[in-house]
């Protein structure tokens, strides 16, 4: 049977499939029209008046030389987080967009320091707005959503300590914690002491490692920090010992093919290691990273997996099943969502 077809021979409708997105940044999920609207409402309209005019300065639509070059493109979207009403709108629309793409379980992550710093927003009030927006959206749309707080590594250890304290205050609203931002200058061991209270509080850790640095970074994220998931984790494939480590520990890789090409984590889509790692027994998942920044959705990423990476129906089922199992949402929620929406994982 053709792996890209259902048992009756019909092609798979990837958009109609229920999906899981574990790696999706709130700051990278804004609609271009929303950015235009929020700047205008703040009395500082952008020169661009349409999404098409804004795209060249607010989206990364081609491969860049590095992750750091891509991060610079967040400047325009970041300027939309001007007040608490804007934060709530952005959070609501992020969930609404998930529902439109038939994503039924998702985790949205955000850095309170990165999000709040430009306009001096209070972290706790911003958190209340994010919760209000996501909860209002989940009442209207059938999507289970968990929130993850991020340390922006380049802001230093003082910011990291403050972010850990923030997570502990909001542990009833957060499902996990993350490290993100520039990688090479910030090895995992640098954050071991700062993150220790999270483990004591039972808050699980994912970490952006293996995106722009070698396999020693994801190795230490697992061994030193106890990360249960790795954001991207592309360089895990560069060292058989690290591949074996993540396989044996059951660490899930939050892989994002389009992002990985555009940040130069891989030289080309043909060189992406997702299928190779999946066949090696690693818990690979497929995600969007920054759908607004890259002009994509999760359907697009599954199409890339199918059309460019060689995934058939068996592999699509595997990565979706891995994502459901690896989600930091509670087990009752995951069982309910799986029972309601993911019968396609058991068909055939």
C-alpha atoms as a PDB file:
ATOM      1  CA  UNK A   1       0.000   0.000   0.000  1.00  0.00           C
ATOM      2  CA  UNK A   2       1.142   3.547  -0.773  1.00  0.00           C
ATOM      3  CA  UNK A   3       2.191   5.031   2.571  1.00  0.00           C
ATOM      4  CA  UNK A   4       0.655   8.386   1.654  1.00  0.00           C
ATOM      5  CA  UNK A   5      -2.822   6.905   1.176  1.00  0.00           C
ATOM      6  CA  UNK A   6      -5.600   5.590   3.344  1.00  0.00           C
ATOM      7  CA  UNK A   7      -6.369   1.828   3.217  1.00  0.00           C
ATOM      8  CA  UNK A   8      -9.100   2.433   0.599  1.00  0.00           C
ATOM      9  CA  UNK A   9      -6.552   4.077  -1.698  1.00  0.00           C
ATOM     10  CA  UNK A  10      -7.699   7.671  -1.239  1.00  0.00           C
ATOM     11  CA  UNK A  11      -4.971  10.290  -0.635  1.00  0.00           C
ATOM     12  CA  UNK A  12      -4.610  11.509   2.943  1.00  0.00           C
ATOM     13  CA  UNK A  13      -6.252  14.868   3.610  1.00  0.00           C
ATOM     14  CA  UNK A  14      -3.618  16.240   5.966  1.00  0.00           C
ATOM     15  CA  UNK A  15      -5.573  19.389   6.733  1.00  0.00           C
ATOM     16  CA  UNK A  16      -8.559  17.394   7.939  1.00  0.00           C
ATOM     17  CA  UNK A  17      -6.468  15.207  10.242  1.00  0.00           C
ATOM     18  CA  UNK A  18      -6.457  15.942  13.956  1.00  0.00           C
ATOM     19  CA  UNK A  19      -2.976  17.155  14.858  1.00  0.00           C
ATOM     20  CA  UNK A  20      -0.676  17.947  17.793  1.00  0.00           C
ATOM     21  CA  UNK A  21       1.719  20.915  17.973  1.00  0.00           C
ATOM     22  CA  UNK A  22       4.116  20.814  20.914  1.00  0.00           C
ATOM     23  CA  UNK A  23       6.515  23.536  19.793  1.00  0.00           C
ATOM     24  CA  UNK A  24       4.782  26.817  18.968  1.00  0.00           C
ATOM     25  CA  UNK A  25       5.921  30.231  20.207  1.00  0.00           C
ATOM     26  CA  UNK A  26       3.224  32.758  21.050  1.00  0.00           C
ATOM     27  CA  UNK A  27       5.543  35.579  19.980  1.00  0.00           C
ATOM     28  CA  UNK A  28       5.982  33.866  16.616  1.00  0.00           C
ATOM     29  CA  UNK A  29       2.318  33.086  16.006  1.00  0.00           C
ATOM     30  CA  UNK A  30       0.894  36.537  15.239  1.00  0.00           C
ATOM     31  CA  UNK A  31      -1.248  37.249  12.217  1.00  0.00           C
ATOM     32  CA  UNK A  32       0.208  39.977  10.021  1.00  0.00           C
ATOM     33  CA  UNK A  33      -3.113  41.832  10.008  1.00  0.00           C
ATOM     34  CA  UNK A  34      -3.151  41.777  13.800  1.00  0.00           C
ATOM     35  CA  UNK A  35       0.304  43.346  13.910  1.00  0.00           C
ATOM     36  CA  UNK A  36      -0.895  46.114  11.572  1.00  0.00           C
ATOM     37  CA  UNK A  37      -4.045  46.644  13.659  1.00  0.00           C
ATOM     38  CA  UNK A  38      -2.229  46.842  16.999  1.00  0.00           C
ATOM     39  CA  UNK A  39       0.369  49.315  15.782  1.00  0.00           C
ATOM     40  CA  UNK A  40      -2.403  51.493  14.319  1.00  0.00           C
ATOM     41  CA  UNK A  41      -4.473  51.335  17.509  1.00  0.00           C
ATOM     42  CA  UNK A  42      -1.404  52.442  19.489  1.00  0.00           C
ATOM     43  CA  UNK A  43      -1.068  55.539  17.316  1.00  0.00           C
ATOM     44  CA  UNK A  44       2.107  54.324  15.633  1.00  0.00           C
ATOM     45  CA  UNK A  45       0.917  52.886  12.310  1.00  0.00           C
ATOM     46  CA  UNK A  46       3.362  50.908  10.235  1.00  0.00           C
ATOM     47  CA  UNK A  47       4.169  51.993   6.711  1.00  0.00           C
ATOM     48  CA  UNK A  48       2.786  48.669   5.535  1.00  0.00           C
ATOM     49  CA  UNK A  49      -0.986  48.753   5.242  1.00  0.00           C
ATOM     50  CA  UNK A  50      -1.595  45.151   4.149  1.00  0.00           C
ATOM     51  CA  UNK A  51      -0.205  41.775   5.182  1.00  0.00           C
ATOM     52  CA  UNK A  52       1.438  41.472   1.772  1.00  0.00           C
ATOM     53  CA  UNK A  53       3.275  44.760   2.285  1.00  0.00           C
ATOM     54  CA  UNK A  54       4.335  43.790   5.819  1.00  0.00           C
ATOM     55  CA  UNK A  55       5.569  40.280   5.010  1.00  0.00           C
ATOM     56  CA  UNK A  56       9.087  41.222   3.779  1.00  0.00           C
ATOM     57  CA  UNK A  57       9.981  42.847   7.108  1.00  0.00           C
ATOM     58  CA  UNK A  58       7.977  40.635   9.497  1.00  0.00           C
ATOM     59  CA  UNK A  59       8.403  37.142   8.059  1.00  0.00           C
ATOM     60  CA  UNK A  60      11.295  34.839   7.246  1.00  0.00           C
ATOM     61  CA  UNK A  61      10.333  33.238   3.952  1.00  0.00           C
ATOM     62  CA  UNK A  62      13.739  31.994   2.795  1.00  0.00           C
ATOM     63  CA  UNK A  63      16.768  30.354   4.425  1.00  0.00           C
ATOM     64  CA  UNK A  64      18.929  32.664   6.535  1.00  0.00           C
ATOM     65  CA  UNK A  65      22.558  32.309   7.488  1.00  0.00           C
ATOM     66  CA  UNK A  66      21.912  31.605  11.160  1.00  0.00           C
ATOM     67  CA  UNK A  67      19.407  31.354  13.980  1.00  0.00           C
ATOM     68  CA  UNK A  68      20.554  34.755  15.231  1.00  0.00           C
ATOM     69  CA  UNK A  69      19.657  36.377  11.892  1.00  0.00           C
ATOM     70  CA  UNK A  70      16.188  34.852  12.083  1.00  0.00           C
ATOM     71  CA  UNK A  71      15.654  36.075  15.652  1.00  0.00           C
ATOM     72  CA  UNK A  72      16.120  39.661  14.465  1.00  0.00           C
ATOM     73  CA  UNK A  73      12.878  39.343  12.486  1.00  0.00           C
ATOM     74  CA  UNK A  74      10.900  39.109  15.727  1.00  0.00           C
ATOM     75  CA  UNK A  75      11.320  42.871  16.174  1.00  0.00           C
ATOM     76  CA  UNK A  76       8.118  43.812  14.320  1.00  0.00           C
ATOM     77  CA  UNK A  77       5.882  41.188  15.965  1.00  0.00           C
ATOM     78  CA  UNK A  78       7.333  41.938  19.385  1.00  0.00           C
ATOM     79  CA  UNK A  79       6.243  45.546  19.019  1.00  0.00           C
ATOM     80  CA  UNK A  80       2.609  44.407  18.921  1.00  0.00           C
ATOM     81  CA  UNK A  81       2.614  43.356  22.603  1.00  0.00           C
ATOM     82  CA  UNK A  82       1.877  46.925  23.709  1.00  0.00           C
ATOM     83  CA  UNK A  83      -0.734  46.415  26.411  1.00  0.00           C
ATOM     84  CA  UNK A  84      -2.671  43.667  28.165  1.00  0.00           C
ATOM     85  CA  UNK A  85      -5.606  43.840  25.750  1.00  0.00           C
ATOM     86  CA  UNK A  86      -3.214  43.223  22.862  1.00  0.00           C
ATOM     87  CA  UNK A  87      -1.688  40.252  24.698  1.00  0.00           C
ATOM     88  CA  UNK A  88      -5.122  38.731  25.246  1.00  0.00           C
ATOM     89  CA  UNK A  89      -6.083  39.207  21.602  1.00  0.00           C
ATOM     90  CA  UNK A  90      -2.861  37.608  20.386  1.00  0.00           C
ATOM     91  CA  UNK A  91      -3.337  34.619  22.696  1.00  0.00           C
ATOM     92  CA  UNK A  92      -6.963  34.180  21.615  1.00  0.00           C
ATOM     93  CA  UNK A  93      -6.091  34.294  17.928  1.00  0.00           C
ATOM     94  CA  UNK A  94      -3.226  31.839  18.409  1.00  0.00           C
ATOM     95  CA  UNK A  95      -5.687  29.229  19.656  1.00  0.00           C
ATOM     96  CA  UNK A  96      -8.236  30.160  16.996  1.00  0.00           C
ATOM     97  CA  UNK A  97      -5.594  29.530  14.327  1.00  0.00           C
ATOM     98  CA  UNK A  98      -4.798  26.149  15.870  1.00  0.00           C
ATOM     99  CA  UNK A  99      -8.459  25.191  15.620  1.00  0.00           C
ATOM    100  CA  UNK A 100      -8.640  26.288  11.984  1.00  0.00           C
ATOM    101  CA  UNK A 101      -5.791  23.909  11.210  1.00  0.00           C
ATOM    102  CA  UNK A 102      -7.494  21.040  13.102  1.00  0.00           C
ATOM    103  CA  UNK A 103      -4.822  21.023  15.796  1.00  0.00           C
ATOM    104  CA  UNK A 104      -6.604  19.427  18.738  1.00  0.00           C
ATOM    105  CA  UNK A 105      -3.829  19.511  21.327  1.00  0.00           C
ATOM    106  CA  UNK A 106      -1.125  22.156  21.515  1.00  0.00           C
ATOM    107  CA  UNK A 107       1.377  23.801  23.787  1.00  0.00           C
ATOM    108  CA  UNK A 108       2.024  27.538  23.469  1.00  0.00           C
ATOM    109  CA  UNK A 109       5.283  28.828  24.856  1.00  0.00           C
ATOM    110  CA  UNK A 110       6.360  32.363  25.608  1.00  0.00           C
ATOM    111  CA  UNK A 111       9.175  34.263  27.295  1.00  0.00           C
ATOM    112  CA  UNK A 112       7.737  36.720  29.838  1.00  0.00           C
ATOM    113  CA  UNK A 113      10.893  38.829  29.719  1.00  0.00           C
ATOM    114  CA  UNK A 114      11.042  38.935  25.909  1.00  0.00           C
ATOM    115  CA  UNK A 115       7.316  39.614  25.620  1.00  0.00           C
ATOM    116  CA  UNK A 116       7.006  42.220  28.378  1.00  0.00           C
ATOM    117  CA  UNK A 117      10.297  44.105  28.208  1.00  0.00           C
ATOM    118  CA  UNK A 118       9.686  46.490  25.253  1.00  0.00           C
ATOM    119  CA  UNK A 119       6.685  48.252  26.829  1.00  0.00           C
ATOM    120  CA  UNK A 120       7.359  47.536  30.499  1.00  0.00           C
ATOM    121  CA  UNK A 121       4.419  45.194  30.979  1.00  0.00           C
ATOM    122  CA  UNK A 122       4.005  43.489  34.329  1.00  0.00           C
ATOM    123  CA  UNK A 123       4.760  39.792  33.917  1.00  0.00           C
ATOM    124  CA  UNK A 124       1.917  38.590  36.113  1.00  0.00           C
ATOM    125  CA  UNK A 125      -0.683  40.815  34.437  1.00  0.00           C
ATOM    126  CA  UNK A 126       0.567  39.649  31.026  1.00  0.00           C
ATOM    127  CA  UNK A 127       0.208  36.070  32.218  1.00  0.00           C
ATOM    128  CA  UNK A 128      -3.378  36.794  33.262  1.00  0.00           C
ATOM    129  CA  UNK A 129      -4.061  38.151  29.769  1.00  0.00           C
ATOM    130  CA  UNK A 130      -2.542  35.084  28.098  1.00  0.00           C
ATOM    131  CA  UNK A 131      -4.630  32.802  30.295  1.00  0.00           C
ATOM    132  CA  UNK A 132      -7.772  34.855  29.603  1.00  0.00           C
ATOM    133  CA  UNK A 133      -7.194  34.751  25.842  1.00  0.00           C
ATOM    134  CA  UNK A 134      -6.410  31.050  25.668  1.00  0.00           C
ATOM    135  CA  UNK A 135      -9.258  30.046  27.980  1.00  0.00           C
ATOM    136  CA  UNK A 136     -11.770  32.152  26.059  1.00  0.00           C
ATOM    137  CA  UNK A 137     -10.592  30.549  22.831  1.00  0.00           C
ATOM    138  CA  UNK A 138     -10.668  26.995  24.168  1.00  0.00           C
ATOM    139  CA  UNK A 139     -14.260  27.544  25.287  1.00  0.00           C
ATOM    140  CA  UNK A 140     -15.150  28.440  21.697  1.00  0.00           C
ATOM    141  CA  UNK A 141     -12.918  25.931  19.937  1.00  0.00           C
ATOM    142  CA  UNK A 142     -12.164  22.284  20.570  1.00  0.00           C
ATOM    143  CA  UNK A 143      -8.459  22.599  21.338  1.00  0.00           C
ATOM    144  CA  UNK A 144      -6.643  21.516  24.500  1.00  0.00           C
ATOM    145  CA  UNK A 145      -3.871  24.036  25.234  1.00  0.00           C
ATOM    146  CA  UNK A 146      -0.998  24.051  27.695  1.00  0.00           C
ATOM    147  CA  UNK A 147       1.295  26.999  28.422  1.00  0.00           C
ATOM    148  CA  UNK A 148       5.083  26.866  28.767  1.00  0.00           C
ATOM    149  CA  UNK A 149       7.278  29.651  30.181  1.00  0.00           C
ATOM    150  CA  UNK A 150      10.627  30.321  28.513  1.00  0.00           C
ATOM    151  CA  UNK A 151      13.950  31.636  29.738  1.00  0.00           C
ATOM    152  CA  UNK A 152      15.506  33.849  27.065  1.00  0.00           C
ATOM    153  CA  UNK A 153      19.113  32.763  27.542  1.00  0.00           C
ATOM    154  CA  UNK A 154      20.760  35.910  26.199  1.00  0.00           C
ATOM    155  CA  UNK A 155      19.121  37.980  28.963  1.00  0.00           C
ATOM    156  CA  UNK A 156      21.397  36.309  31.505  1.00  0.00           C
ATOM    157  CA  UNK A 157      21.093  34.416  34.751  1.00  0.00           C
ATOM    158  CA  UNK A 158      19.254  37.149  36.651  1.00  0.00           C
ATOM    159  CA  UNK A 159      16.446  37.028  34.080  1.00  0.00           C
ATOM    160  CA  UNK A 160      16.525  33.231  34.257  1.00  0.00           C
ATOM    161  CA  UNK A 161      16.124  33.319  38.033  1.00  0.00           C
ATOM    162  CA  UNK A 162      13.222  35.737  37.706  1.00  0.00           C
ATOM    163  CA  UNK A 163      11.589  33.494  35.083  1.00  0.00           C
ATOM    164  CA  UNK A 164      11.910  30.443  37.323  1.00  0.00           C
ATOM    165  CA  UNK A 165      10.253  32.386  40.141  1.00  0.00           C
ATOM    166  CA  UNK A 166       7.501  33.397  37.700  1.00  0.00           C
ATOM    167  CA  UNK A 167       6.941  29.761  36.753  1.00  0.00           C
ATOM    168  CA  UNK A 168       6.707  28.708  40.368  1.00  0.00           C
ATOM    169  CA  UNK A 169       4.113  31.418  41.047  1.00  0.00           C
ATOM    170  CA  UNK A 170       2.049  30.226  38.092  1.00  0.00           C
ATOM    171  CA  UNK A 171       2.653  26.500  38.334  1.00  0.00           C
ATOM    172  CA  UNK A 172      -1.110  25.884  38.315  1.00  0.00           C
ATOM    173  CA  UNK A 173      -1.344  27.538  34.863  1.00  0.00           C
ATOM    174  CA  UNK A 174       1.855  26.254  33.262  1.00  0.00           C
ATOM    175  CA  UNK A 175       2.488  22.733  32.027  1.00  0.00           C
ATOM    176  CA  UNK A 176       6.233  23.101  31.480  1.00  0.00           C
ATOM    177  CA  UNK A 177       9.358  25.244  31.188  1.00  0.00           C
ATOM    178  CA  UNK A 178      11.807  25.944  28.373  1.00  0.00           C
ATOM    179  CA  UNK A 179      15.170  27.475  27.543  1.00  0.00           C
ATOM    180  CA  UNK A 180      15.411  29.292  24.211  1.00  0.00           C
ATOM    181  CA  UNK A 181      17.208  32.072  22.318  1.00  0.00           C
ATOM    182  CA  UNK A 182      20.852  31.940  21.240  1.00  0.00           C
ATOM    183  CA  UNK A 183      22.438  28.566  21.969  1.00  0.00           C
ATOM    184  CA  UNK A 184      26.189  28.383  21.472  1.00  0.00           C
ATOM    185  CA  UNK A 185      27.169  30.869  24.199  1.00  0.00           C
ATOM    186  CA  UNK A 186      24.809  29.340  26.755  1.00  0.00           C
ATOM    187  CA  UNK A 187      25.603  25.658  27.468  1.00  0.00           C
ATOM    188  CA  UNK A 188      23.151  23.689  29.589  1.00  0.00           C
ATOM    189  CA  UNK A 189      25.395  23.476  32.661  1.00  0.00           C
ATOM    190  CA  UNK A 190      25.217  27.264  32.957  1.00  0.00           C
ATOM    191  CA  UNK A 191      21.574  26.945  34.029  1.00  0.00           C
ATOM    192  CA  UNK A 192      21.689  23.846  36.218  1.00  0.00           C
ATOM    193  CA  UNK A 193      21.492  25.606  39.587  1.00  0.00           C
ATOM    194  CA  UNK A 194      18.919  28.162  38.415  1.00  0.00           C
ATOM    195  CA  UNK A 195      16.551  25.483  37.121  1.00  0.00           C
ATOM    196  CA  UNK A 196      16.839  23.138  40.117  1.00  0.00           C
ATOM    197  CA  UNK A 197      13.677  24.479  41.859  1.00  0.00           C
ATOM    198  CA  UNK A 198      11.595  23.497  38.838  1.00  0.00           C
ATOM    199  CA  UNK A 199      12.452  19.830  39.237  1.00  0.00           C
ATOM    200  CA  UNK A 200      11.626  20.057  42.934  1.00  0.00           C
ATOM    201  CA  UNK A 201       8.230  21.519  41.987  1.00  0.00           C
ATOM    202  CA  UNK A 202       7.559  18.823  39.392  1.00  0.00           C
ATOM    203  CA  UNK A 203       7.567  21.219  36.411  1.00  0.00           C
ATOM    204  CA  UNK A 204       8.899  19.314  33.362  1.00  0.00           C
ATOM    205  CA  UNK A 205      11.601  20.790  31.154  1.00  0.00           C
ATOM    206  CA  UNK A 206      12.002  21.088  27.426  1.00  0.00           C
ATOM    207  CA  UNK A 207      15.014  22.961  26.061  1.00  0.00           C
ATOM    208  CA  UNK A 208      16.083  24.458  22.758  1.00  0.00           C
ATOM    209  CA  UNK A 209      19.339  22.603  22.204  1.00  0.00           C
ATOM    210  CA  UNK A 210      20.742  20.972  19.098  1.00  0.00           C
ATOM    211  CA  UNK A 211      19.355  23.695  16.835  1.00  0.00           C
ATOM    212  CA  UNK A 212      22.487  25.760  16.176  1.00  0.00           C
ATOM    213  CA  UNK A 213      25.153  23.924  18.191  1.00  0.00           C
ATOM    214  CA  UNK A 214      26.707  20.467  18.206  1.00  0.00           C
ATOM    215  CA  UNK A 215      25.432  17.244  19.785  1.00  0.00           C
ATOM    216  CA  UNK A 216      27.204  17.895  23.086  1.00  0.00           C
ATOM    217  CA  UNK A 217      24.568  20.556  23.841  1.00  0.00           C
ATOM    218  CA  UNK A 218      21.512  18.271  23.627  1.00  0.00           C
ATOM    219  CA  UNK A 219      23.502  15.568  25.426  1.00  0.00           C
ATOM    220  CA  UNK A 220      24.125  17.884  28.392  1.00  0.00           C
ATOM    221  CA  UNK A 221      20.550  19.164  28.302  1.00  0.00           C
ATOM    222  CA  UNK A 222      19.427  15.591  28.927  1.00  0.00           C
ATOM    223  CA  UNK A 223      22.167  14.486  31.317  1.00  0.00           C
ATOM    224  CA  UNK A 224      22.744  17.720  33.272  1.00  0.00           C
ATOM    225  CA  UNK A 225      19.356  19.437  33.157  1.00  0.00           C
ATOM    226  CA  UNK A 226      17.112  16.400  32.912  1.00  0.00           C
ATOM    227  CA  UNK A 227      15.247  17.702  29.853  1.00  0.00           C
ATOM    228  CA  UNK A 228      12.373  15.419  28.861  1.00  0.00           C
ATOM    229  CA  UNK A 229      12.105  17.019  25.425  1.00  0.00           C
ATOM    230  CA  UNK A 230      14.465  18.916  23.129  1.00  0.00           C
ATOM    231  CA  UNK A 231      13.409  21.872  21.028  1.00  0.00           C
ATOM    232  CA  UNK A 232      14.581  20.908  17.529  1.00  0.00           C
ATOM    233  CA  UNK A 233      17.432  18.610  18.595  1.00  0.00           C
ATOM    234  CA  UNK A 234      18.707  18.417  15.017  1.00  0.00           C
ATOM    235  CA  UNK A 235      22.325  17.779  15.990  1.00  0.00           C
ATOM    236  CA  UNK A 236      21.288  14.702  17.994  1.00  0.00           C
ATOM    237  CA  UNK A 237      21.672  12.925  14.657  1.00  0.00           C
ATOM    238  CA  UNK A 238      25.342  13.941  14.403  1.00  0.00           C
ATOM    239  CA  UNK A 239      26.547  11.625  17.173  1.00  0.00           C
ATOM    240  CA  UNK A 240      25.421   7.985  17.450  1.00  0.00           C
ATOM    241  CA  UNK A 241      26.015   8.074  21.200  1.00  0.00           C
ATOM    242  CA  UNK A 242      23.690  11.053  21.633  1.00  0.00           C
ATOM    243  CA  UNK A 243      21.105   9.419  19.383  1.00  0.00           C
ATOM    244  CA  UNK A 244      21.263   6.351  21.605  1.00  0.00           C
ATOM    245  CA  UNK A 245      20.993   8.502  24.731  1.00  0.00           C
ATOM    246  CA  UNK A 246      17.783  10.242  23.693  1.00  0.00           C
ATOM    247  CA  UNK A 247      16.317   6.955  22.449  1.00  0.00           C
ATOM    248  CA  UNK A 248      17.089   5.162  25.708  1.00  0.00           C
ATOM    249  CA  UNK A 249      15.848   8.032  27.881  1.00  0.00           C
ATOM    250  CA  UNK A 250      12.658   8.411  25.829  1.00  0.00           C
ATOM    251  CA  UNK A 251      13.419  12.066  25.106  1.00  0.00           C
ATOM    252  CA  UNK A 252      11.099  13.547  22.484  1.00  0.00           C
ATOM    253  CA  UNK A 253      12.481  15.787  19.740  1.00  0.00           C
ATOM    254  CA  UNK A 254      10.312  18.766  18.812  1.00  0.00           C
ATOM    255  CA  UNK A 255      11.408  19.013  15.184  1.00  0.00           C
ATOM    256  CA  UNK A 256      10.239  21.853  12.927  1.00  0.00           C
ATOM    257  CA  UNK A 257      11.365  21.215   9.332  1.00  0.00           C
ATOM    258  CA  UNK A 258      10.692  24.617   7.742  1.00  0.00           C
ATOM    259  CA  UNK A 259      12.196  26.437  10.705  1.00  0.00           C
ATOM    260  CA  UNK A 260      15.211  24.138  10.669  1.00  0.00           C
ATOM    261  CA  UNK A 261      15.922  25.056   7.043  1.00  0.00           C
ATOM    262  CA  UNK A 262      15.342  28.782   7.466  1.00  0.00           C
ATOM    263  CA  UNK A 263      17.532  29.057  10.573  1.00  0.00           C
ATOM    264  CA  UNK A 264      20.253  27.013   8.855  1.00  0.00           C
ATOM    265  CA  UNK A 265      19.995  24.217  11.400  1.00  0.00           C
ATOM    266  CA  UNK A 266      20.092  21.991   8.305  1.00  0.00           C
ATOM    267  CA  UNK A 267      21.626  22.988   4.995  1.00  0.00           C
ATOM    268  CA  UNK A 268      18.601  21.807   3.006  1.00  0.00           C
ATOM    269  CA  UNK A 269      15.332  20.003   3.556  1.00  0.00           C
ATOM    270  CA  UNK A 270      16.826  16.915   1.906  1.00  0.00           C
ATOM    271  CA  UNK A 271      19.361  16.742   4.746  1.00  0.00           C
ATOM    272  CA  UNK A 272      16.822  16.947   7.569  1.00  0.00           C
ATOM    273  CA  UNK A 273      17.353  13.979   9.930  1.00  0.00           C
ATOM    274  CA  UNK A 274      13.750  13.549  11.146  1.00  0.00           C
ATOM    275  CA  UNK A 275      13.011  10.336   9.248  1.00  0.00           C
ATOM    276  CA  UNK A 276      16.407   8.837   9.983  1.00  0.00           C
ATOM    277  CA  UNK A 277      16.009   9.516  13.709  1.00  0.00           C
ATOM    278  CA  UNK A 278      12.451   8.197  13.706  1.00  0.00           C
ATOM    279  CA  UNK A 279      13.589   4.962  12.090  1.00  0.00           C
ATOM    280  CA  UNK A 280      16.338   4.742  14.715  1.00  0.00           C
ATOM    281  CA  UNK A 281      13.678   4.598  17.411  1.00  0.00           C
ATOM    282  CA  UNK A 282      13.832   8.232  18.564  1.00  0.00           C
ATOM    283  CA  UNK A 283      10.570   9.903  19.615  1.00  0.00           C
ATOM    284  CA  UNK A 284      10.404  12.453  16.804  1.00  0.00           C
ATOM    285  CA  UNK A 285       7.523  14.935  16.636  1.00  0.00           C
ATOM    286  CA  UNK A 286       6.694  17.490  13.915  1.00  0.00           C
ATOM    287  CA  UNK A 287       5.774  21.066  14.874  1.00  0.00           C
ATOM    288  CA  UNK A 288       5.541  24.638  13.567  1.00  0.00           C
ATOM    289  CA  UNK A 289       7.886  26.661  15.832  1.00  0.00           C
ATOM    290  CA  UNK A 290       6.792  30.129  14.619  1.00  0.00           C
ATOM    291  CA  UNK A 291       3.882  29.847  12.183  1.00  0.00           C
ATOM    292  CA  UNK A 292       3.393  33.598  11.839  1.00  0.00           C
ATOM    293  CA  UNK A 293       7.081  34.299  11.362  1.00  0.00           C
ATOM    294  CA  UNK A 294       7.504  31.574   8.748  1.00  0.00           C
ATOM    295  CA  UNK A 295       4.106  31.880   7.048  1.00  0.00           C
ATOM    296  CA  UNK A 296       3.161  28.241   7.660  1.00  0.00           C
ATOM    297  CA  UNK A 297       0.837  26.016   9.657  1.00  0.00           C
ATOM    298  CA  UNK A 298       1.104  22.450  10.917  1.00  0.00           C
ATOM    299  CA  UNK A 299      -0.602  21.068   7.828  1.00  0.00           C
ATOM    300  CA  UNK A 300       2.229  22.608   5.811  1.00  0.00           C
ATOM    301  CA  UNK A 301       4.831  20.923   8.021  1.00  0.00           C
ATOM    302  CA  UNK A 302       3.174  17.522   7.645  1.00  0.00           C
ATOM    303  CA  UNK A 303       3.111  18.094   3.894  1.00  0.00           C
ATOM    304  CA  UNK A 304       6.842  18.809   4.027  1.00  0.00           C
ATOM    305  CA  UNK A 305       7.332  15.618   6.033  1.00  0.00           C
ATOM    306  CA  UNK A 306       5.354  13.639   3.453  1.00  0.00           C
ATOM    307  CA  UNK A 307       6.543  15.259   0.231  1.00  0.00           C
ATOM    308  CA  UNK A 308      10.150  16.152   1.069  1.00  0.00           C
ATOM    309  CA  UNK A 309      11.204  13.909   3.940  1.00  0.00           C
ATOM    310  CA  UNK A 310       9.590  10.666   2.780  1.00  0.00           C
ATOM    311  CA  UNK A 311       7.012  10.188   5.540  1.00  0.00           C
ATOM    312  CA  UNK A 312       4.166   7.806   4.804  1.00  0.00           C
ATOM    313  CA  UNK A 313       1.022   7.228   6.823  1.00  0.00           C
ATOM    314  CA  UNK A 314       2.887   4.969   9.251  1.00  0.00           C
ATOM    315  CA  UNK A 315       5.412   7.698  10.041  1.00  0.00           C
ATOM    316  CA  UNK A 316       2.752  10.402  10.312  1.00  0.00           C
ATOM    317  CA  UNK A 317       0.921   8.240  12.814  1.00  0.00           C
ATOM    318  CA  UNK A 318       4.145   7.661  14.723  1.00  0.00           C
ATOM    319  CA  UNK A 319       5.111  11.320  15.117  1.00  0.00           C
ATOM    320  CA  UNK A 320       1.560  12.275  16.085  1.00  0.00           C
ATOM    321  CA  UNK A 321       1.399   9.484  18.620  1.00  0.00           C
ATOM    322  CA  UNK A 322       4.771  10.532  20.018  1.00  0.00           C
ATOM    323  CA  UNK A 323       3.513  14.101  20.383  1.00  0.00           C
ATOM    324  CA  UNK A 324       0.395  13.037  22.260  1.00  0.00           C
ATOM    325  CA  UNK A 325       2.433  10.890  24.615  1.00  0.00           C
ATOM    326  CA  UNK A 326       5.155  13.508  25.138  1.00  0.00           C
ATOM    327  CA  UNK A 327       2.823  16.434  25.801  1.00  0.00           C
ATOM    328  CA  UNK A 328       3.127  17.975  29.251  1.00  0.00           C
ATOM    329  CA  UNK A 329      -0.655  18.281  29.537  1.00  0.00           C
ATOM    330  CA  UNK A 330      -2.209  16.029  32.171  1.00  0.00           C
ATOM    331  CA  UNK A 331      -2.964  12.423  31.306  1.00  0.00           C
ATOM    332  CA  UNK A 332      -6.735  12.772  31.687  1.00  0.00           C
ATOM    333  CA  UNK A 333      -6.779  15.585  29.116  1.00  0.00           C
ATOM    334  CA  UNK A 334      -4.615  13.624  26.713  1.00  0.00           C
ATOM    335  CA  UNK A 335      -6.820  10.526  27.012  1.00  0.00           C
ATOM    336  CA  UNK A 336      -9.936  12.604  26.383  1.00  0.00           C
ATOM    337  CA  UNK A 337      -8.454  14.307  23.332  1.00  0.00           C
ATOM    338  CA  UNK A 338      -7.130  11.054  21.916  1.00  0.00           C
ATOM    339  CA  UNK A 339     -10.481   9.340  22.380  1.00  0.00           C
ATOM    340  CA  UNK A 340     -12.363  12.242  20.760  1.00  0.00           C
ATOM    341  CA  UNK A 341     -10.114  13.057  17.809  1.00  0.00           C
ATOM    342  CA  UNK A 342      -7.333  10.601  17.134  1.00  0.00           C
ATOM    343  CA  UNK A 343      -8.980   7.422  15.986  1.00  0.00           C
ATOM    344  CA  UNK A 344      -6.971   7.856  12.744  1.00  0.00           C
ATOM    345  CA  UNK A 345      -3.892   6.731  14.655  1.00  0.00           C
ATOM    346  CA  UNK A 346      -5.360   3.250  15.056  1.00  0.00           C
ATOM    347  CA  UNK A 347      -6.913   2.821  11.598  1.00  0.00           C
ATOM    348  CA  UNK A 348      -5.450   0.631   8.873  1.00  0.00           C
END
